[in-house]
Amino acid sequence: MSDDKWPFPDPRVAGLREHHERMELLLELAKATKDAVAKFRLMMAAVYSARAIVELHYEAADKEQLSSTRDDLKRTLASRLPWFNLIERIRIHDFHRFGILPPDPRVTTVFQGGPVKLQARKGAAIYTIQGDGPKAILSGESTVDEQRPLLNHDGRFFDGDTKQYVALERIISDFVDAAPAVIDDFEKEILP
């Protein structure tokens, strides 16, 4: 929307770029600090801007300001933004379910947030946390229904898509690197 008559950037695009710049700043500050708790908190703050970039895309789609629908966007963004689903889970658990605490170097901590619903029918439903992530063991007609669970092991989060534990710094760094291309495409697609 930038032309001679309108010298200001489209506020929808400017908002996306602002969240990206916040993420870059928070990442830079986190890398510069020696305080592990402060580093964790800065990274958690960056998660909110990462999720804001996604939500602002959804909002534009819902208002029919993009040619894409929300469902189309979800598929596209999930394929282009690293740790897309994990970032959503971290933000939901931190904001809606419980506050995620920084790791404590004095203890080993494993925390699983759910809900995870086990239903045994003509058999057993077992849900365990192992070194390589959560495992469901089922027999008969039993089921395990995970509702966006979040597994945190000493500040590293289990990603259900890649089946690995990931440090928060890597999650944010990878997202920061990928976001500019997504924002550029948003700017090209946005309808007047």
N, C-alpha and C. Protein backbone atom coordinates (compact mmCIF):
# COMPACT_ATOMS: atom_id res chain seq x y z
N MET A 1 0.81 -1.18 0.00
CA MET A 1 0.00 0.00 0.00
C MET A 1 0.86 1.26 0.00
N SER A 2 2.16 1.12 -0.09
CA SER A 2 3.05 2.28 -0.13
C SER A 2 3.13 2.80 -1.55
N ASP A 3 2.68 4.01 -1.77
CA ASP A 3 2.85 4.68 -3.04
C ASP A 3 3.01 6.17 -2.77
N ASP A 4 3.02 6.99 -3.82
CA ASP A 4 3.24 8.43 -3.64
C ASP A 4 2.14 9.09 -2.82
N LYS A 5 0.92 8.57 -2.92
CA LYS A 5 -0.21 9.16 -2.20
C LYS A 5 -0.24 8.71 -0.74
N TRP A 6 0.30 7.56 -0.45
CA TRP A 6 0.27 6.99 0.90
C TRP A 6 1.69 6.59 1.28
N PRO A 7 2.43 7.51 1.92
CA PRO A 7 3.84 7.23 2.20
C PRO A 7 4.08 6.30 3.39
N PHE A 8 3.03 5.94 4.10
CA PHE A 8 3.20 5.11 5.29
C PHE A 8 2.97 3.65 4.94
N PRO A 9 3.66 2.75 5.62
CA PRO A 9 3.44 1.33 5.35
C PRO A 9 2.04 0.91 5.79
N ASP A 10 1.53 -0.12 5.14
CA ASP A 10 0.25 -0.68 5.55
C ASP A 10 0.38 -1.10 7.01
N PRO A 11 -0.52 -0.65 7.88
CA PRO A 11 -0.39 -0.97 9.31
C PRO A 11 -0.43 -2.46 9.62
N ARG A 12 -1.11 -3.24 8.77
CA ARG A 12 -1.16 -4.68 8.98
C ARG A 12 0.22 -5.29 8.78
N VAL A 13 0.91 -4.83 7.75
CA VAL A 13 2.27 -5.32 7.47
C VAL A 13 3.24 -4.77 8.51
N ALA A 14 3.07 -3.49 8.85
CA ALA A 14 3.95 -2.87 9.85
C ALA A 14 3.85 -3.60 11.19
N GLY A 15 2.65 -4.04 11.54
CA GLY A 15 2.47 -4.79 12.79
C GLY A 15 3.22 -6.11 12.78
N LEU A 16 3.18 -6.80 11.65
CA LEU A 16 3.92 -8.06 11.52
C LEU A 16 5.42 -7.81 11.66
N ARG A 17 5.90 -6.76 10.98
CA ARG A 17 7.33 -6.44 11.05
C ARG A 17 7.74 -6.03 12.47
N GLU A 18 6.84 -5.34 13.16
CA GLU A 18 7.13 -4.95 14.55
C GLU A 18 7.31 -6.18 15.43
N HIS A 19 6.43 -7.16 15.27
CA HIS A 19 6.58 -8.38 16.08
C HIS A 19 7.86 -9.12 15.74
N HIS A 20 8.23 -9.11 14.47
CA HIS A 20 9.50 -9.74 14.08
C HIS A 20 10.68 -9.00 14.73
N GLU A 21 10.64 -7.67 14.71
CA GLU A 21 11.72 -6.89 15.33
C GLU A 21 11.78 -7.11 16.84
N ARG A 22 10.62 -7.25 17.48
CA ARG A 22 10.62 -7.57 18.91
C ARG A 22 11.30 -8.91 19.17
N MET A 23 10.99 -9.88 18.32
CA MET A 23 11.61 -11.20 18.47
C MET A 23 13.13 -11.10 18.32
N GLU A 24 13.57 -10.35 17.32
CA GLU A 24 15.02 -10.17 17.12
C GLU A 24 15.67 -9.52 18.33
N LEU A 25 15.03 -8.48 18.88
CA LEU A 25 15.56 -7.79 20.05
C LEU A 25 15.61 -8.73 21.26
N LEU A 26 14.53 -9.43 21.50
CA LEU A 26 14.49 -10.35 22.65
C LEU A 26 15.53 -11.46 22.51
N LEU A 27 15.71 -11.96 21.31
CA LEU A 27 16.72 -12.99 21.04
C LEU A 27 18.12 -12.44 21.30
N GLU A 28 18.37 -11.24 20.82
CA GLU A 28 19.68 -10.59 21.03
C GLU A 28 19.95 -10.39 22.52
N LEU A 29 18.95 -9.90 23.25
CA LEU A 29 19.11 -9.69 24.69
C LEU A 29 19.33 -11.01 25.42
N ALA A 30 18.59 -12.03 25.01
CA ALA A 30 18.73 -13.34 25.65
C ALA A 30 20.12 -13.92 25.42
N LYS A 31 20.64 -13.78 24.22
CA LYS A 31 21.98 -14.29 23.93
C LYS A 31 23.06 -13.55 24.70
N ALA A 32 22.79 -12.28 25.00
CA ALA A 32 23.79 -11.45 25.67
C ALA A 32 23.83 -11.65 27.19
N THR A 33 22.76 -12.20 27.76
CA THR A 33 22.73 -12.33 29.22
C THR A 33 23.36 -13.64 29.69
N LYS A 34 23.96 -13.58 30.85
CA LYS A 34 24.53 -14.78 31.49
C LYS A 34 23.53 -15.39 32.48
N ASP A 35 22.49 -14.63 32.80
CA ASP A 35 21.47 -15.07 33.75
C ASP A 35 20.50 -16.03 33.07
N ALA A 36 20.53 -17.29 33.44
CA ALA A 36 19.71 -18.32 32.79
C ALA A 36 18.22 -18.05 32.92
N VAL A 37 17.79 -17.53 34.06
CA VAL A 37 16.37 -17.25 34.26
C VAL A 37 15.94 -16.09 33.36
N ALA A 38 16.74 -15.04 33.31
CA ALA A 38 16.42 -13.91 32.44
C ALA A 38 16.39 -14.34 30.98
N LYS A 39 17.34 -15.18 30.59
CA LYS A 39 17.40 -15.69 29.21
C LYS A 39 16.10 -16.43 28.88
N PHE A 40 15.66 -17.31 29.77
CA PHE A 40 14.44 -18.07 29.56
C PHE A 40 13.24 -17.13 29.44
N ARG A 41 13.15 -16.15 30.31
CA ARG A 41 12.02 -15.23 30.29
C ARG A 41 11.99 -14.38 29.02
N LEU A 42 13.14 -13.97 28.55
CA LEU A 42 13.20 -13.21 27.29
C LEU A 42 12.73 -14.08 26.12
N MET A 43 13.15 -15.34 26.12
CA MET A 43 12.73 -16.25 25.07
C MET A 43 11.22 -16.51 25.13
N MET A 44 10.68 -16.63 26.33
CA MET A 44 9.24 -16.84 26.46
C MET A 44 8.48 -15.62 25.96
N ALA A 45 9.00 -14.42 26.20
CA ALA A 45 8.36 -13.21 25.68
C ALA A 45 8.38 -13.22 24.15
N ALA A 46 9.44 -13.73 23.56
CA ALA A 46 9.53 -13.82 22.10
C ALA A 46 8.50 -14.78 21.52
N VAL A 47 8.14 -15.81 22.28
CA VAL A 47 7.11 -16.76 21.83
C VAL A 47 5.80 -16.02 21.54
N TYR A 48 5.48 -15.03 22.34
CA TYR A 48 4.24 -14.29 22.17
C TYR A 48 4.23 -13.51 20.85
N SER A 49 5.37 -12.91 20.49
CA SER A 49 5.43 -12.22 19.20
C SER A 49 5.41 -13.20 18.03
N ALA A 50 6.01 -14.36 18.21
CA ALA A 50 5.95 -15.38 17.16
C ALA A 50 4.50 -15.77 16.92
N ARG A 51 3.79 -16.01 17.97
CA ARG A 51 2.38 -16.40 17.82
C ARG A 51 1.54 -15.23 17.31
N ALA A 52 1.91 -13.99 17.65
CA ALA A 52 1.18 -12.83 17.15
C ALA A 52 1.28 -12.73 15.63
N ILE A 53 2.44 -13.08 15.08
CA ILE A 53 2.60 -13.06 13.62
C ILE A 53 1.59 -14.00 12.98
N VAL A 54 1.41 -15.16 13.56
CA VAL A 54 0.44 -16.13 13.04
C VAL A 54 -0.99 -15.60 13.22
N GLU A 55 -1.30 -15.11 14.40
CA GLU A 55 -2.66 -14.64 14.69
C GLU A 55 -3.05 -13.45 13.82
N LEU A 56 -2.11 -12.56 13.52
CA LEU A 56 -2.42 -11.43 12.65
C LEU A 56 -2.70 -11.90 11.21
N HIS A 57 -2.02 -12.95 10.78
CA HIS A 57 -2.35 -13.56 9.50
C HIS A 57 -3.79 -14.09 9.53
N TYR A 58 -4.12 -14.82 10.59
CA TYR A 58 -5.47 -15.39 10.72
C TYR A 58 -6.53 -14.28 10.72
N GLU A 59 -6.25 -13.23 11.46
CA GLU A 59 -7.20 -12.12 11.56
C GLU A 59 -7.48 -11.51 10.18
N ALA A 60 -6.43 -11.31 9.40
CA ALA A 60 -6.61 -10.76 8.04
C ALA A 60 -7.42 -11.72 7.18
N ALA A 61 -7.18 -13.01 7.30
CA ALA A 61 -7.95 -14.00 6.53
C ALA A 61 -9.41 -13.98 6.96
N ASP A 62 -9.65 -13.92 8.28
CA ASP A 62 -11.02 -13.90 8.79
C ASP A 62 -11.79 -12.67 8.31
N LYS A 63 -11.08 -11.56 8.14
CA LYS A 63 -11.70 -10.32 7.67
C LYS A 63 -11.72 -10.23 6.14
N GLU A 64 -11.33 -11.34 5.50
CA GLU A 64 -11.28 -11.43 4.04
C GLU A 64 -10.38 -10.36 3.43
N GLN A 65 -9.28 -10.08 4.11
CA GLN A 65 -8.27 -9.14 3.61
C GLN A 65 -7.16 -9.87 2.87
N LEU A 66 -7.24 -11.19 2.85
CA LEU A 66 -6.31 -12.03 2.11
C LEU A 66 -7.12 -12.93 1.20
N SER A 67 -6.49 -13.41 0.15
CA SER A 67 -7.20 -14.37 -0.71
C SER A 67 -7.22 -15.76 -0.09
N SER A 68 -6.39 -15.99 0.91
CA SER A 68 -6.34 -17.28 1.61
C SER A 68 -7.36 -17.34 2.73
N THR A 69 -7.85 -18.53 2.99
CA THR A 69 -8.70 -18.74 4.16
C THR A 69 -7.82 -19.07 5.36
N ARG A 70 -8.41 -19.06 6.53
CA ARG A 70 -7.67 -19.42 7.74
C ARG A 70 -7.10 -20.83 7.64
N ASP A 71 -7.90 -21.77 7.14
CA ASP A 71 -7.42 -23.15 7.00
C ASP A 71 -6.26 -23.25 6.02
N ASP A 72 -6.37 -22.53 4.89
CA ASP A 72 -5.26 -22.50 3.92
C ASP A 72 -4.01 -21.93 4.57
N LEU A 73 -4.19 -20.84 5.30
CA LEU A 73 -3.06 -20.20 5.96
C LEU A 73 -2.41 -21.12 6.98
N LYS A 74 -3.22 -21.83 7.74
CA LYS A 74 -2.66 -22.72 8.74
C LYS A 74 -1.75 -23.76 8.11
N ARG A 75 -2.19 -24.34 7.02
CA ARG A 75 -1.35 -25.33 6.32
C ARG A 75 -0.08 -24.68 5.78
N THR A 76 -0.23 -23.52 5.16
CA THR A 76 0.92 -22.82 4.57
C THR A 76 1.91 -22.39 5.64
N LEU A 77 1.41 -21.75 6.68
CA LEU A 77 2.29 -21.25 7.74
C LEU A 77 2.97 -22.40 8.47
N ALA A 78 2.24 -23.49 8.69
CA ALA A 78 2.83 -24.64 9.38
C ALA A 78 4.00 -25.22 8.58
N SER A 79 3.92 -25.12 7.26
CA SER A 79 5.00 -25.66 6.43
C SER A 79 6.17 -24.68 6.28
N ARG A 80 5.93 -23.40 6.54
CA ARG A 80 6.98 -22.39 6.31
C ARG A 80 7.61 -21.84 7.58
N LEU A 81 6.90 -21.91 8.69
CA LEU A 81 7.42 -21.36 9.95
C LEU A 81 7.85 -22.51 10.86
N PRO A 82 9.15 -22.62 11.11
CA PRO A 82 9.64 -23.72 11.96
C PRO A 82 8.99 -23.69 13.34
N TRP A 83 8.72 -24.87 13.84
CA TRP A 83 8.18 -25.06 15.20
C TRP A 83 6.80 -24.44 15.36
N PHE A 84 6.07 -24.32 14.27
CA PHE A 84 4.75 -23.69 14.26
C PHE A 84 3.83 -24.27 15.33
N ASN A 85 3.65 -25.57 15.34
CA ASN A 85 2.74 -26.20 16.31
C ASN A 85 3.28 -26.13 17.73
N LEU A 86 4.58 -26.26 17.88
CA LEU A 86 5.19 -26.20 19.21
C LEU A 86 5.04 -24.81 19.82
N ILE A 87 5.23 -23.78 19.02
CA ILE A 87 5.06 -22.41 19.51
C ILE A 87 3.62 -22.20 19.97
N GLU A 88 2.66 -22.72 19.23
CA GLU A 88 1.27 -22.60 19.65
C GLU A 88 1.05 -23.28 21.00
N ARG A 89 1.61 -24.46 21.18
CA ARG A 89 1.43 -25.19 22.44
C ARG A 89 2.11 -24.46 23.60
N ILE A 90 3.29 -23.98 23.38
CA ILE A 90 4.00 -23.25 24.45
C ILE A 90 3.18 -22.05 24.88
N ARG A 91 2.69 -21.29 23.92
CA ARG A 91 1.94 -20.08 24.25
C ARG A 91 0.63 -20.42 24.96
N ILE A 92 -0.09 -21.45 24.48
CA ILE A 92 -1.35 -21.83 25.11
C ILE A 92 -1.10 -22.27 26.55
N HIS A 93 -0.11 -23.11 26.76
CA HIS A 93 0.14 -23.60 28.12
C HIS A 93 0.63 -22.49 29.04
N ASP A 94 1.44 -21.59 28.53
CA ASP A 94 1.95 -20.50 29.37
C ASP A 94 0.85 -19.51 29.71
N PHE A 95 -0.01 -19.21 28.77
CA PHE A 95 -1.01 -18.17 28.97
C PHE A 95 -2.33 -18.68 29.52
N HIS A 96 -2.78 -19.84 29.05
CA HIS A 96 -4.12 -20.32 29.41
C HIS A 96 -4.14 -21.43 30.45
N ARG A 97 -3.11 -22.24 30.50
CA ARG A 97 -3.19 -23.41 31.37
C ARG A 97 -2.33 -23.29 32.62
N PHE A 98 -1.13 -22.83 32.49
CA PHE A 98 -0.24 -22.60 33.63
C PHE A 98 0.92 -21.77 33.13
N GLY A 99 1.57 -21.06 34.01
CA GLY A 99 2.78 -20.32 33.62
C GLY A 99 3.95 -21.29 33.54
N ILE A 100 4.71 -21.21 32.47
CA ILE A 100 5.87 -22.08 32.32
C ILE A 100 7.04 -21.48 33.07
N LEU A 101 7.58 -22.24 34.00
CA LEU A 101 8.67 -21.77 34.85
C LEU A 101 10.02 -22.00 34.20
N PRO A 102 10.99 -21.12 34.50
CA PRO A 102 12.35 -21.33 33.98
C PRO A 102 12.95 -22.59 34.59
N PRO A 103 13.86 -23.22 33.87
CA PRO A 103 14.52 -24.40 34.44
C PRO A 103 15.38 -24.01 35.63
N ASP A 104 15.53 -24.93 36.57
CA ASP A 104 16.36 -24.72 37.75
C ASP A 104 17.56 -25.66 37.66
N PRO A 105 18.77 -25.12 37.55
CA PRO A 105 19.94 -25.99 37.36
C PRO A 105 20.22 -26.92 38.55
N ARG A 106 19.57 -26.69 39.68
CA ARG A 106 19.80 -27.52 40.86
C ARG A 106 19.02 -28.83 40.82
N VAL A 107 18.00 -28.90 39.94
CA VAL A 107 17.18 -30.11 39.86
C VAL A 107 16.86 -30.45 38.40
N THR A 108 16.60 -31.71 38.16
CA THR A 108 16.11 -32.14 36.86
C THR A 108 14.59 -32.09 36.92
N THR A 109 14.00 -31.41 35.95
CA THR A 109 12.55 -31.25 35.95
C THR A 109 11.96 -31.74 34.64
N VAL A 110 10.95 -32.58 34.75
CA VAL A 110 10.16 -33.00 33.60
C VAL A 110 8.72 -32.65 33.94
N PHE A 111 8.09 -31.89 33.04
CA PHE A 111 6.72 -31.48 33.28
C PHE A 111 5.89 -31.73 32.03
N GLN A 112 4.78 -32.43 32.22
CA GLN A 112 3.84 -32.69 31.12
C GLN A 112 2.56 -31.96 31.43
N GLY A 113 2.16 -31.07 30.52
CA GLY A 113 0.88 -30.39 30.64
C GLY A 113 -0.09 -30.99 29.65
N GLY A 114 -1.32 -31.08 30.03
CA GLY A 114 -2.31 -31.74 29.18
C GLY A 114 -3.38 -30.79 28.75
N PRO A 115 -4.56 -31.25 28.68
CA PRO A 115 -4.99 -32.55 29.18
C PRO A 115 -4.65 -33.71 28.23
N VAL A 116 -4.49 -34.86 28.85
CA VAL A 116 -4.33 -36.13 28.15
C VAL A 116 -5.39 -37.06 28.74
N LYS A 117 -6.30 -37.51 27.90
CA LYS A 117 -7.42 -38.33 28.38
C LYS A 117 -7.16 -39.79 28.01
N LEU A 118 -7.11 -40.64 29.03
CA LEU A 118 -6.93 -42.09 28.83
C LEU A 118 -8.28 -42.77 28.98
N GLN A 119 -8.61 -43.62 28.02
CA GLN A 119 -9.86 -44.36 28.11
C GLN A 119 -9.59 -45.83 27.80
N ALA A 120 -9.75 -46.65 28.83
CA ALA A 120 -9.52 -48.10 28.67
C ALA A 120 -10.83 -48.78 28.31
N ARG A 121 -10.82 -49.50 27.18
CA ARG A 121 -11.98 -50.27 26.73
C ARG A 121 -11.50 -51.64 26.29
N LYS A 122 -11.91 -52.65 27.03
CA LYS A 122 -11.52 -54.03 26.70
C LYS A 122 -10.00 -54.17 26.60
N GLY A 123 -9.29 -53.45 27.46
CA GLY A 123 -7.84 -53.50 27.44
C GLY A 123 -7.27 -52.42 28.35
N ALA A 124 -6.11 -51.91 27.96
CA ALA A 124 -5.43 -50.91 28.79
C ALA A 124 -5.02 -49.71 27.95
N ALA A 125 -4.93 -48.57 28.63
CA ALA A 125 -4.40 -47.34 28.04
C ALA A 125 -3.33 -46.82 28.98
N ILE A 126 -2.10 -46.78 28.50
CA ILE A 126 -0.96 -46.36 29.32
C ILE A 126 -0.27 -45.21 28.61
N TYR A 127 0.06 -44.18 29.37
CA TYR A 127 0.76 -43.01 28.81
C TYR A 127 2.00 -42.77 29.67
N THR A 128 3.16 -42.84 29.06
CA THR A 128 4.40 -42.67 29.81
C THR A 128 5.26 -41.58 29.17
N ILE A 129 6.14 -41.02 29.99
CA ILE A 129 7.13 -40.06 29.51
C ILE A 129 8.47 -40.78 29.54
N GLN A 130 9.09 -40.88 28.38
CA GLN A 130 10.38 -41.55 28.28
C GLN A 130 11.43 -40.57 27.76
N GLY A 131 12.66 -41.02 27.71
CA GLY A 131 13.75 -40.15 27.27
C GLY A 131 13.56 -39.58 25.88
N ASP A 132 12.88 -40.32 25.02
CA ASP A 132 12.65 -39.84 23.65
C ASP A 132 11.24 -39.31 23.45
N GLY A 133 10.57 -38.94 24.55
CA GLY A 133 9.25 -38.32 24.46
C GLY A 133 8.14 -39.18 25.00
N PRO A 134 6.91 -38.70 24.86
CA PRO A 134 5.75 -39.44 25.38
C PRO A 134 5.44 -40.66 24.53
N LYS A 135 4.94 -41.69 25.19
CA LYS A 135 4.56 -42.93 24.51
C LYS A 135 3.20 -43.37 25.02
N ALA A 136 2.36 -43.80 24.09
CA ALA A 136 1.07 -44.38 24.45
C ALA A 136 1.12 -45.87 24.14
N ILE A 137 0.70 -46.67 25.11
CA ILE A 137 0.63 -48.12 24.93
C ILE A 137 -0.85 -48.48 25.08
N LEU A 138 -1.39 -49.11 24.04
CA LEU A 138 -2.83 -49.38 24.00
C LEU A 138 -3.08 -50.85 23.71
N SER A 139 -4.16 -51.35 24.27
CA SER A 139 -4.63 -52.69 23.91
C SER A 139 -6.16 -52.64 23.85
N GLY A 140 -6.72 -53.64 23.19
CA GLY A 140 -8.17 -53.66 23.03
C GLY A 140 -8.65 -52.47 22.22
N GLU A 141 -9.70 -51.84 22.69
CA GLU A 141 -10.27 -50.67 22.01
C GLU A 141 -9.94 -49.38 22.76
N SER A 142 -8.89 -49.41 23.54
CA SER A 142 -8.51 -48.28 24.37
C SER A 142 -7.95 -47.13 23.53
N THR A 143 -8.06 -45.91 24.08
CA THR A 143 -7.58 -44.73 23.36
C THR A 143 -6.85 -43.78 24.30
N VAL A 144 -5.98 -42.97 23.72
CA VAL A 144 -5.36 -41.85 24.41
C VAL A 144 -5.66 -40.63 23.57
N ASP A 145 -6.30 -39.64 24.16
CA ASP A 145 -6.66 -38.41 23.46
C ASP A 145 -5.81 -37.27 24.03
N GLU A 146 -4.80 -36.86 23.26
CA GLU A 146 -3.95 -35.74 23.67
C GLU A 146 -4.56 -34.45 23.13
N GLN A 147 -4.71 -33.48 24.01
CA GLN A 147 -5.27 -32.19 23.62
C GLN A 147 -4.19 -31.13 23.75
N ARG A 148 -3.35 -31.06 22.72
CA ARG A 148 -2.21 -30.15 22.66
C ARG A 148 -1.33 -30.23 23.90
N PRO A 149 -0.82 -31.42 24.20
CA PRO A 149 0.02 -31.54 25.39
C PRO A 149 1.36 -30.82 25.19
N LEU A 150 1.98 -30.48 26.28
CA LEU A 150 3.29 -29.84 26.23
C LEU A 150 4.20 -30.54 27.22
N LEU A 151 5.31 -31.03 26.72
CA LEU A 151 6.30 -31.72 27.54
C LEU A 151 7.56 -30.87 27.60
N ASN A 152 7.97 -30.56 28.83
CA ASN A 152 9.13 -29.70 29.06
C ASN A 152 10.12 -30.48 29.93
N HIS A 153 11.34 -30.60 29.44
CA HIS A 153 12.39 -31.29 30.20
C HIS A 153 13.56 -30.32 30.37
N ASP A 154 13.69 -29.78 31.57
CA ASP A 154 14.75 -28.82 31.89
C ASP A 154 14.83 -27.68 30.88
N GLY A 155 13.69 -27.12 30.52
CA GLY A 155 13.65 -25.96 29.64
C GLY A 155 13.68 -26.28 28.16
N ARG A 156 13.76 -27.54 27.81
CA ARG A 156 13.69 -27.96 26.40
C ARG A 156 12.29 -28.55 26.19
N PHE A 157 11.71 -28.26 25.05
CA PHE A 157 10.34 -28.65 24.77
C PHE A 157 10.31 -29.78 23.75
N PHE A 158 9.42 -30.74 23.98
CA PHE A 158 9.28 -31.85 23.05
C PHE A 158 8.39 -31.43 21.90
N ASP A 159 8.90 -31.57 20.68
CA ASP A 159 8.14 -31.25 19.48
C ASP A 159 7.55 -32.53 18.92
N GLY A 160 6.23 -32.61 18.91
CA GLY A 160 5.56 -33.81 18.42
C GLY A 160 5.72 -34.04 16.93
N ASP A 161 6.00 -32.98 16.18
CA ASP A 161 6.17 -33.13 14.73
C ASP A 161 7.50 -33.79 14.37
N THR A 162 8.57 -33.37 15.05
CA THR A 162 9.91 -33.90 14.74
C THR A 162 10.36 -34.97 15.72
N LYS A 163 9.59 -35.17 16.80
CA LYS A 163 9.89 -36.17 17.83
C LYS A 163 11.25 -35.92 18.49
N GLN A 164 11.50 -34.64 18.83
CA GLN A 164 12.75 -34.30 19.50
C GLN A 164 12.52 -33.18 20.51
N TYR A 165 13.41 -33.10 21.48
CA TYR A 165 13.42 -31.99 22.43
C TYR A 165 14.19 -30.84 21.80
N VAL A 166 13.64 -29.63 21.97
CA VAL A 166 14.24 -28.46 21.33
C VAL A 166 14.40 -27.34 22.35
N ALA A 167 15.57 -26.70 22.33
CA ALA A 167 15.82 -25.55 23.20
C ALA A 167 15.01 -24.35 22.71
N LEU A 168 14.55 -23.56 23.63
CA LEU A 168 13.75 -22.38 23.32
C LEU A 168 14.52 -21.42 22.41
N GLU A 169 15.82 -21.28 22.63
CA GLU A 169 16.62 -20.39 21.79
C GLU A 169 16.59 -20.84 20.33
N ARG A 170 16.68 -22.12 20.10
CA ARG A 170 16.63 -22.62 18.71
C ARG A 170 15.25 -22.38 18.10
N ILE A 171 14.21 -22.60 18.88
CA ILE A 171 12.85 -22.38 18.40
C ILE A 171 12.70 -20.95 17.91
N ILE A 172 13.13 -20.00 18.75
CA ILE A 172 12.99 -18.58 18.40
C ILE A 172 13.92 -18.21 17.24
N SER A 173 15.16 -18.67 17.28
CA SER A 173 16.11 -18.36 16.20
C SER A 173 15.60 -18.83 14.85
N ASP A 174 15.13 -20.06 14.79
CA ASP A 174 14.64 -20.60 13.52
C ASP A 174 13.42 -19.83 13.02
N PHE A 175 12.53 -19.47 13.94
CA PHE A 175 11.32 -18.72 13.56
C PHE A 175 11.71 -17.33 13.06
N VAL A 176 12.62 -16.67 13.76
CA VAL A 176 13.09 -15.33 13.35
C VAL A 176 13.66 -15.38 11.93
N ASP A 177 14.42 -16.41 11.63
CA ASP A 177 15.02 -16.54 10.30
C ASP A 177 13.99 -16.74 9.20
N ALA A 178 12.92 -17.46 9.49
CA ALA A 178 11.92 -17.79 8.47
C ALA A 178 10.84 -16.71 8.30
N ALA A 179 10.59 -15.94 9.32
CA ALA A 179 9.45 -15.00 9.31
C ALA A 179 9.52 -13.92 8.23
N PRO A 180 10.67 -13.33 7.91
CA PRO A 180 10.65 -12.24 6.91
C PRO A 180 10.06 -12.65 5.56
N ALA A 181 10.36 -13.83 5.07
CA ALA A 181 9.80 -14.27 3.79
C ALA A 181 8.28 -14.42 3.88
N VAL A 182 7.79 -14.91 5.02
CA VAL A 182 6.35 -15.06 5.23
C VAL A 182 5.68 -13.69 5.28
N ILE A 183 6.32 -12.74 5.94
CA ILE A 183 5.76 -11.38 6.04
C ILE A 183 5.77 -10.72 4.66
N ASP A 184 6.84 -10.91 3.89
CA ASP A 184 6.89 -10.35 2.53
C ASP A 184 5.74 -10.90 1.68
N ASP A 185 5.47 -12.19 1.80
CA ASP A 185 4.37 -12.79 1.04
C ASP A 185 3.01 -12.26 1.50
N PHE A 186 2.88 -12.01 2.80
CA PHE A 186 1.65 -11.42 3.33
C PHE A 186 1.44 -10.05 2.69
N GLU A 187 2.50 -9.27 2.61
CA GLU A 187 2.39 -7.92 2.03
C GLU A 187 1.96 -7.99 0.56
N LYS A 188 2.44 -8.99 -0.16
CA LYS A 188 2.05 -9.15 -1.57
C LYS A 188 0.60 -9.59 -1.72
N GLU A 189 0.11 -10.37 -0.75
CA GLU A 189 -1.23 -10.95 -0.85
C GLU A 189 -2.33 -10.08 -0.26
N ILE A 190 -1.97 -9.14 0.62
CA ILE A 190 -2.98 -8.36 1.33
C ILE A 190 -3.84 -7.56 0.35
N LEU A 191 -5.12 -7.60 0.57
CA LEU A 191 -6.06 -6.90 -0.30
C LEU A 191 -6.30 -5.49 0.24
N PRO A 192 -6.53 -4.54 -0.65
CA PRO A 192 -6.74 -3.14 -0.20
C PRO A 192 -8.00 -2.97 0.62
